[in-house]
Amino acid sequence: MANYRFIQLDVFTREPFAGNPLAVFPEAEGLTDEQMMKIAREMNLSETVFVLPPRDDKTLRRLRIFTPARAQFLPGRARRQPRPESQTCPASLLLALGRLP
């Protein structure tokens, strides 16, 4: 398997080491669903997010979200606008990673 860079974030907080840890793979192109599941199990965090290229020109990026047990369809909190102390909606996450123009 190739090497993939990841970032671990603390979400739902503004304080380091106080939030919910989340792993993000900002350039996950080339990973299979099976590999993403294995990585999520290895990370053993509540969620691991894989950022993928869009499938069409109406989408900026695709997000695949996995728990250690299964793939998630974007959880409710990821679709809503974040609270001021949170940066967990897809747009905020991609903006923080420099993935939005």
C-alpha atoms as a PDB file:
ATOM      1  CA  MET A   1       0.000   0.000   0.000  1.00  0.00           C
ATOM      2  CA  ALA A   2       1.172   3.528  -0.740  1.00  0.00           C
ATOM      3  CA  ASN A   3       1.809   6.064   2.017  1.00  0.00           C
ATOM      4  CA  TYR A   4      -1.045   8.419   2.858  1.00  0.00           C
ATOM      5  CA  ARG A   5      -0.753  11.555   4.979  1.00  0.00           C
ATOM      6  CA  PHE A   6      -3.331  12.046   7.729  1.00  0.00           C
ATOM      7  CA  ILE A   7      -4.198  14.717  10.248  1.00  0.00           C
ATOM      8  CA  GLN A   8      -5.694  14.111  13.670  1.00  0.00           C
ATOM      9  CA  LEU A   9      -8.074  16.851  14.768  1.00  0.00           C
ATOM     10  CA  ASP A  10      -9.868  17.610  18.027  1.00  0.00           C
ATOM     11  CA  VAL A  11     -13.441  18.496  17.069  1.00  0.00           C
ATOM     12  CA  PHE A  12     -16.291  19.963  19.143  1.00  0.00           C
ATOM     13  CA  THR A  13     -13.841  22.109  21.098  1.00  0.00           C
ATOM     14  CA  ARG A  14     -11.498  25.065  20.848  1.00  0.00           C
ATOM     15  CA  GLU A  15      -9.112  23.558  23.406  1.00  0.00           C
ATOM     16  CA  PRO A  16      -6.367  21.079  22.471  1.00  0.00           C
ATOM     17  CA  PHE A  17      -6.869  17.565  23.851  1.00  0.00           C
ATOM     18  CA  ALA A  18     -10.415  18.370  24.982  1.00  0.00           C
ATOM     19  CA  GLY A  19     -12.586  17.377  22.028  1.00  0.00           C
ATOM     20  CA  ASN A  20     -13.426  14.314  20.040  1.00  0.00           C
ATOM     21  CA  PRO A  21     -10.355  13.055  18.112  1.00  0.00           C
ATOM     22  CA  LEU A  22     -10.942  12.560  14.396  1.00  0.00           C
ATOM     23  CA  ALA A  23      -8.501  11.319  11.730  1.00  0.00           C
ATOM     24  CA  VAL A  24      -8.648  12.932   8.278  1.00  0.00           C
ATOM     25  CA  PHE A  25      -6.911  11.623   5.174  1.00  0.00           C
ATOM     26  CA  PRO A  26      -6.999  14.704   2.892  1.00  0.00           C
ATOM     27  CA  GLU A  27      -5.804  12.850  -0.232  1.00  0.00           C
ATOM     28  CA  ALA A  28      -7.347   9.380  -0.096  1.00  0.00           C
ATOM     29  CA  GLU A  29      -7.648   8.757  -3.826  1.00  0.00           C
ATOM     30  CA  GLY A  30      -6.688   5.173  -4.656  1.00  0.00           C
ATOM     31  CA  LEU A  31      -7.825   3.608  -1.394  1.00  0.00           C
ATOM     32  CA  THR A  32     -10.469   0.901  -1.652  1.00  0.00           C
ATOM     33  CA  ASP A  33     -13.416   0.631   0.730  1.00  0.00           C
ATOM     34  CA  GLU A  34     -11.719  -2.366   2.327  1.00  0.00           C
ATOM     35  CA  GLN A  35      -8.487  -0.419   2.864  1.00  0.00           C
ATOM     36  CA  MET A  36     -10.402   2.541   4.334  1.00  0.00           C
ATOM     37  CA  MET A  37     -12.157   0.168   6.750  1.00  0.00           C
ATOM     38  CA  LYS A  38      -8.820  -1.373   7.808  1.00  0.00           C
ATOM     39  CA  ILE A  39      -7.310   2.079   8.331  1.00  0.00           C
ATOM     40  CA  ALA A  40     -10.317   3.202  10.411  1.00  0.00           C
ATOM     41  CA  ARG A  41      -9.971   0.099  12.588  1.00  0.00           C
ATOM     42  CA  GLU A  42      -6.265   0.773  13.020  1.00  0.00           C
ATOM     43  CA  MET A  43      -6.873   4.456  13.915  1.00  0.00           C
ATOM     44  CA  ASN A  44      -9.502   3.281  16.453  1.00  0.00           C
ATOM     45  CA  LEU A  45     -11.071   6.748  16.718  1.00  0.00           C
ATOM     46  CA  SER A  46     -14.782   7.464  16.708  1.00  0.00           C
ATOM     47  CA  GLU A  47     -14.513   8.501  13.041  1.00  0.00           C
ATOM     48  CA  THR A  48     -11.949   8.529  10.244  1.00  0.00           C
ATOM     49  CA  VAL A  49     -12.651  10.749   7.232  1.00  0.00           C
ATOM     50  CA  PHE A  50     -11.287  10.134   3.731  1.00  0.00           C
ATOM     51  CA  VAL A  51     -11.334  13.072   1.296  1.00  0.00           C
ATOM     52  CA  LEU A  52     -11.739  11.980  -2.328  1.00  0.00           C
ATOM     53  CA  PRO A  53     -12.005  13.751  -5.686  1.00  0.00           C
ATOM     54  CA  PRO A  54     -15.484  14.569  -6.961  1.00  0.00           C
ATOM     55  CA  ARG A  55     -17.399  12.272  -9.297  1.00  0.00           C
ATOM     56  CA  ASP A  56     -18.938  15.173 -11.211  1.00  0.00           C
ATOM     57  CA  ASP A  57     -18.379  18.876 -11.794  1.00  0.00           C
ATOM     58  CA  LYS A  58     -21.145  19.859  -9.333  1.00  0.00           C
ATOM     59  CA  THR A  59     -19.179  18.560  -6.345  1.00  0.00           C
ATOM     60  CA  LEU A  60     -15.938  19.949  -4.903  1.00  0.00           C
ATOM     61  CA  ARG A  61     -14.900  16.842  -2.938  1.00  0.00           C
ATOM     62  CA  ARG A  62     -16.371  13.600  -1.635  1.00  0.00           C
ATOM     63  CA  LEU A  63     -16.074  12.516   1.982  1.00  0.00           C
ATOM     64  CA  ARG A  64     -16.141   8.897   3.124  1.00  0.00           C
ATOM     65  CA  ILE A  65     -16.578   8.532   6.869  1.00  0.00           C
ATOM     66  CA  PHE A  66     -15.777   5.316   8.731  1.00  0.00           C
ATOM     67  CA  THR A  67     -16.022   4.246  12.336  1.00  0.00           C
ATOM     68  CA  PRO A  68     -13.899   1.297  13.480  1.00  0.00           C
ATOM     69  CA  ALA A  69     -16.968  -0.903  12.837  1.00  0.00           C
ATOM     70  CA  ARG A  70     -18.514   0.378   9.581  1.00  0.00           C
ATOM     71  CA  ALA A  71     -18.801   3.000   6.859  1.00  0.00           C
ATOM     72  CA  GLN A  72     -21.107   5.924   7.659  1.00  0.00           C
ATOM     73  CA  PHE A  73     -23.374   7.879   5.404  1.00  0.00           C
ATOM     74  CA  LEU A  74     -22.575  11.470   6.421  1.00  0.00           C
ATOM     75  CA  PRO A  75     -23.728  11.667  10.033  1.00  0.00           C
ATOM     76  CA  GLY A  76     -26.278  14.344  10.847  1.00  0.00           C
ATOM     77  CA  ARG A  77     -23.731  16.551  12.539  1.00  0.00           C
ATOM     78  CA  ALA A  78     -21.534  16.542   9.416  1.00  0.00           C
ATOM     79  CA  ARG A  79     -24.359  17.835   7.221  1.00  0.00           C
ATOM     80  CA  ARG A  80     -25.475  20.677   9.474  1.00  0.00           C
ATOM     81  CA  GLN A  81     -23.716  23.958   9.838  1.00  0.00           C
ATOM     82  CA  PRO A  82     -21.285  23.766  12.755  1.00  0.00           C
ATOM     83  CA  ARG A  83     -21.770  25.480  16.059  1.00  0.00           C
ATOM     84  CA  PRO A  84     -19.269  28.305  16.617  1.00  0.00           C
ATOM     85  CA  GLU A  85     -17.036  26.047  18.730  1.00  0.00           C
ATOM     86  CA  SER A  86     -17.154  23.262  16.150  1.00  0.00           C
ATOM     87  CA  GLN A  87     -15.503  22.884  12.767  1.00  0.00           C
ATOM     88  CA  THR A  88     -16.989  19.580  11.688  1.00  0.00           C
ATOM     89  CA  CYS A  89     -19.308  20.237   8.758  1.00  0.00           C
ATOM     90  CA  PRO A  90     -17.778  19.088   5.444  1.00  0.00           C
ATOM     91  CA  ALA A  91     -17.179  22.616   4.133  1.00  0.00           C
ATOM     92  CA  SER A  92     -15.414  23.720   7.337  1.00  0.00           C
ATOM     93  CA  LEU A  93     -13.316  20.573   7.378  1.00  0.00           C
ATOM     94  CA  LEU A  94     -12.238  20.979   3.747  1.00  0.00           C
ATOM     95  CA  LEU A  95     -11.571  24.686   4.221  1.00  0.00           C
ATOM     96  CA  ALA A  96      -9.333  23.950   7.209  1.00  0.00           C
ATOM     97  CA  LEU A  97      -7.425  21.402   5.128  1.00  0.00           C
ATOM     98  CA  GLY A  98      -6.995  23.818   2.228  1.00  0.00           C
ATOM     99  CA  ARG A  99      -9.181  21.657  -0.027  1.00  0.00           C
ATOM    100  CA  LEU A 100     -11.638  24.385  -1.059  1.00  0.00           C
ATOM    101  CA  PRO A 101     -10.724  27.145  -3.487  1.00  0.00           C
END
